[in-house]
Amino acid sequence: MAKIRIPTSLRSFTRNQPEVIAGGATVGEVLRQLEKSFPGIGPRLLDDKGAVRRYVNIFLNDEDIRFMQELDTPVKDADSITLIPAMAGG
């Protein structure tokens, strides 16, 4: 199972846990499992078509999945996924 680092802004969905684990062979499968374990977090990460929301950055072992295979990026048990919502402001 992969370890998922949860940003402060999404911890209300994970009972304030900064890290959780979820299984899956790809990043997409891990995120779907994350939604099953912590309902409500999924729509904050993925849009209605199942794509990563444009204001969310997802890293697998410090590599941006956009430069890999996106949601089809393979995940191993020892991997770490970091969720980073983009910041806005002026």
C-alpha atoms as a PDB file:
ATOM      1  CA  MET A   1       0.000   0.000   0.000  1.00  0.00           C
ATOM      2  CA  ALA A   2       1.170   3.508  -0.779  1.00  0.00           C
ATOM      3  CA  LYS A   3       1.588   6.213   1.836  1.00  0.00           C
ATOM      4  CA  ILE A   4      -0.337   9.387   0.971  1.00  0.00           C
ATOM      5  CA  ARG A   5       0.642  12.742   2.446  1.00  0.00           C
ATOM      6  CA  ILE A   6      -2.449  14.836   3.077  1.00  0.00           C
ATOM      7  CA  PRO A   7      -2.203  18.654   3.045  1.00  0.00           C
ATOM      8  CA  THR A   8      -3.702  20.586   5.947  1.00  0.00           C
ATOM      9  CA  SER A   9      -6.556  21.863   3.772  1.00  0.00           C
ATOM     10  CA  LEU A  10      -7.792  18.285   3.134  1.00  0.00           C
ATOM     11  CA  ARG A  11      -7.193  16.729   6.548  1.00  0.00           C
ATOM     12  CA  SER A  12     -10.786  17.252   7.630  1.00  0.00           C
ATOM     13  CA  PHE A  13     -11.613  14.361   5.267  1.00  0.00           C
ATOM     14  CA  THR A  14      -8.973  12.066   6.841  1.00  0.00           C
ATOM     15  CA  ARG A  15      -9.905  12.715  10.469  1.00  0.00           C
ATOM     16  CA  ASN A  16      -6.940  15.143  10.697  1.00  0.00           C
ATOM     17  CA  GLN A  17      -4.413  12.471   9.782  1.00  0.00           C
ATOM     18  CA  PRO A  18      -1.379  13.944   7.955  1.00  0.00           C
ATOM     19  CA  GLU A  19      -0.645  10.590   6.293  1.00  0.00           C
ATOM     20  CA  VAL A  20      -2.869   7.686   5.298  1.00  0.00           C
ATOM     21  CA  ILE A  21      -2.381   4.511   3.286  1.00  0.00           C
ATOM     22  CA  ALA A  22      -4.320   3.202   0.327  1.00  0.00           C
ATOM     23  CA  GLY A  23      -3.826   0.352  -2.095  1.00  0.00           C
ATOM     24  CA  GLY A  24      -3.814   0.255  -5.854  1.00  0.00           C
ATOM     25  CA  ALA A  25      -1.613  -0.583  -8.818  1.00  0.00           C
ATOM     26  CA  THR A  26      -1.752   2.963 -10.247  1.00  0.00           C
ATOM     27  CA  VAL A  27      -2.071   6.482  -8.880  1.00  0.00           C
ATOM     28  CA  GLY A  28      -5.671   6.555 -10.115  1.00  0.00           C
ATOM     29  CA  GLU A  29      -6.540   3.332  -8.290  1.00  0.00           C
ATOM     30  CA  VAL A  30      -4.920   4.636  -5.094  1.00  0.00           C
ATOM     31  CA  LEU A  31      -6.964   7.849  -5.309  1.00  0.00           C
ATOM     32  CA  ARG A  32     -10.189   5.895  -5.865  1.00  0.00           C
ATOM     33  CA  GLN A  33      -9.370   3.750  -2.827  1.00  0.00           C
ATOM     34  CA  LEU A  34      -8.635   6.919  -0.869  1.00  0.00           C
ATOM     35  CA  GLU A  35     -12.152   8.167  -1.715  1.00  0.00           C
ATOM     36  CA  LYS A  36     -13.662   4.871  -0.541  1.00  0.00           C
ATOM     37  CA  SER A  37     -11.819   5.105   2.774  1.00  0.00           C
ATOM     38  CA  PHE A  38     -12.375   8.846   3.221  1.00  0.00           C
ATOM     39  CA  PRO A  39     -15.583   9.885   1.414  1.00  0.00           C
ATOM     40  CA  GLY A  40     -15.601  13.410   0.059  1.00  0.00           C
ATOM     41  CA  ILE A  41     -11.898  13.767  -0.613  1.00  0.00           C
ATOM     42  CA  GLY A  42     -12.161  12.401  -4.168  1.00  0.00           C
ATOM     43  CA  PRO A  43     -14.100  15.310  -5.693  1.00  0.00           C
ATOM     44  CA  ARG A  44     -11.473  17.697  -4.284  1.00  0.00           C
ATOM     45  CA  LEU A  45      -8.807  15.859  -6.294  1.00  0.00           C
ATOM     46  CA  LEU A  46     -10.575  14.611  -9.433  1.00  0.00           C
ATOM     47  CA  ASP A  47     -13.128  16.277 -11.693  1.00  0.00           C
ATOM     48  CA  ASP A  48     -16.392  14.760 -12.984  1.00  0.00           C
ATOM     49  CA  LYS A  49     -14.515  13.033 -15.819  1.00  0.00           C
ATOM     50  CA  GLY A  50     -12.037  11.433 -13.429  1.00  0.00           C
ATOM     51  CA  ALA A  51      -9.100  13.672 -14.374  1.00  0.00           C
ATOM     52  CA  VAL A  52      -6.886  15.429 -11.846  1.00  0.00           C
ATOM     53  CA  ARG A  53      -8.269  18.890 -11.134  1.00  0.00           C
ATOM     54  CA  ARG A  54      -6.040  21.535 -12.655  1.00  0.00           C
ATOM     55  CA  TYR A  55      -5.386  23.205  -9.300  1.00  0.00           C
ATOM     56  CA  VAL A  56      -4.170  19.976  -7.687  1.00  0.00           C
ATOM     57  CA  ASN A  57      -0.611  18.716  -8.011  1.00  0.00           C
ATOM     58  CA  ILE A  58       0.121  15.061  -7.309  1.00  0.00           C
ATOM     59  CA  PHE A  59       3.620  13.767  -6.793  1.00  0.00           C
ATOM     60  CA  LEU A  60       4.772  10.156  -6.696  1.00  0.00           C
ATOM     61  CA  ASN A  61       8.064   9.926  -4.815  1.00  0.00           C
ATOM     62  CA  ASP A  62       8.698  13.644  -5.471  1.00  0.00           C
ATOM     63  CA  GLU A  63       7.984  13.333  -9.233  1.00  0.00           C
ATOM     64  CA  ASP A  64       5.011  15.207 -10.714  1.00  0.00           C
ATOM     65  CA  ILE A  65       2.675  12.604 -12.230  1.00  0.00           C
ATOM     66  CA  ARG A  66       1.937  15.034 -15.105  1.00  0.00           C
ATOM     67  CA  PHE A  67       5.430  14.242 -16.405  1.00  0.00           C
ATOM     68  CA  MET A  68       4.935  10.515 -15.910  1.00  0.00           C
ATOM     69  CA  GLN A  69       1.842   8.545 -16.906  1.00  0.00           C
ATOM     70  CA  GLU A  70      -0.551  10.774 -14.960  1.00  0.00           C
ATOM     71  CA  LEU A  71      -3.229   8.649 -13.227  1.00  0.00           C
ATOM     72  CA  ASP A  72      -1.919   5.521 -14.974  1.00  0.00           C
ATOM     73  CA  THR A  73       1.471   5.870 -13.264  1.00  0.00           C
ATOM     74  CA  PRO A  74       2.328   2.543 -11.576  1.00  0.00           C
ATOM     75  CA  VAL A  75       2.541   2.510  -7.771  1.00  0.00           C
ATOM     76  CA  LYS A  76       4.562   0.128  -5.603  1.00  0.00           C
ATOM     77  CA  ASP A  77       3.914  -0.659  -1.942  1.00  0.00           C
ATOM     78  CA  ALA A  78       6.848   1.437  -0.699  1.00  0.00           C
ATOM     79  CA  ASP A  79       5.861   4.501  -2.752  1.00  0.00           C
ATOM     80  CA  SER A  80       4.760   7.828  -1.357  1.00  0.00           C
ATOM     81  CA  ILE A  81       2.117  10.078  -2.921  1.00  0.00           C
ATOM     82  CA  THR A  82       1.949  13.756  -2.011  1.00  0.00           C
ATOM     83  CA  LEU A  83      -1.156  15.839  -2.681  1.00  0.00           C
ATOM     84  CA  ILE A  84      -0.583  19.570  -3.110  1.00  0.00           C
ATOM     85  CA  PRO A  85      -3.466  21.913  -3.849  1.00  0.00           C
ATOM     86  CA  ALA A  86      -2.296  24.987  -5.764  1.00  0.00           C
ATOM     87  CA  MET A  87      -2.317  28.264  -3.905  1.00  0.00           C
ATOM     88  CA  ALA A  88      -3.883  31.397  -5.336  1.00  0.00           C
ATOM     89  CA  GLY A  89      -3.811  34.960  -4.297  1.00  0.00           C
ATOM     90  CA  GLY A  90      -2.295  38.267  -5.002  1.00  0.00           C
END
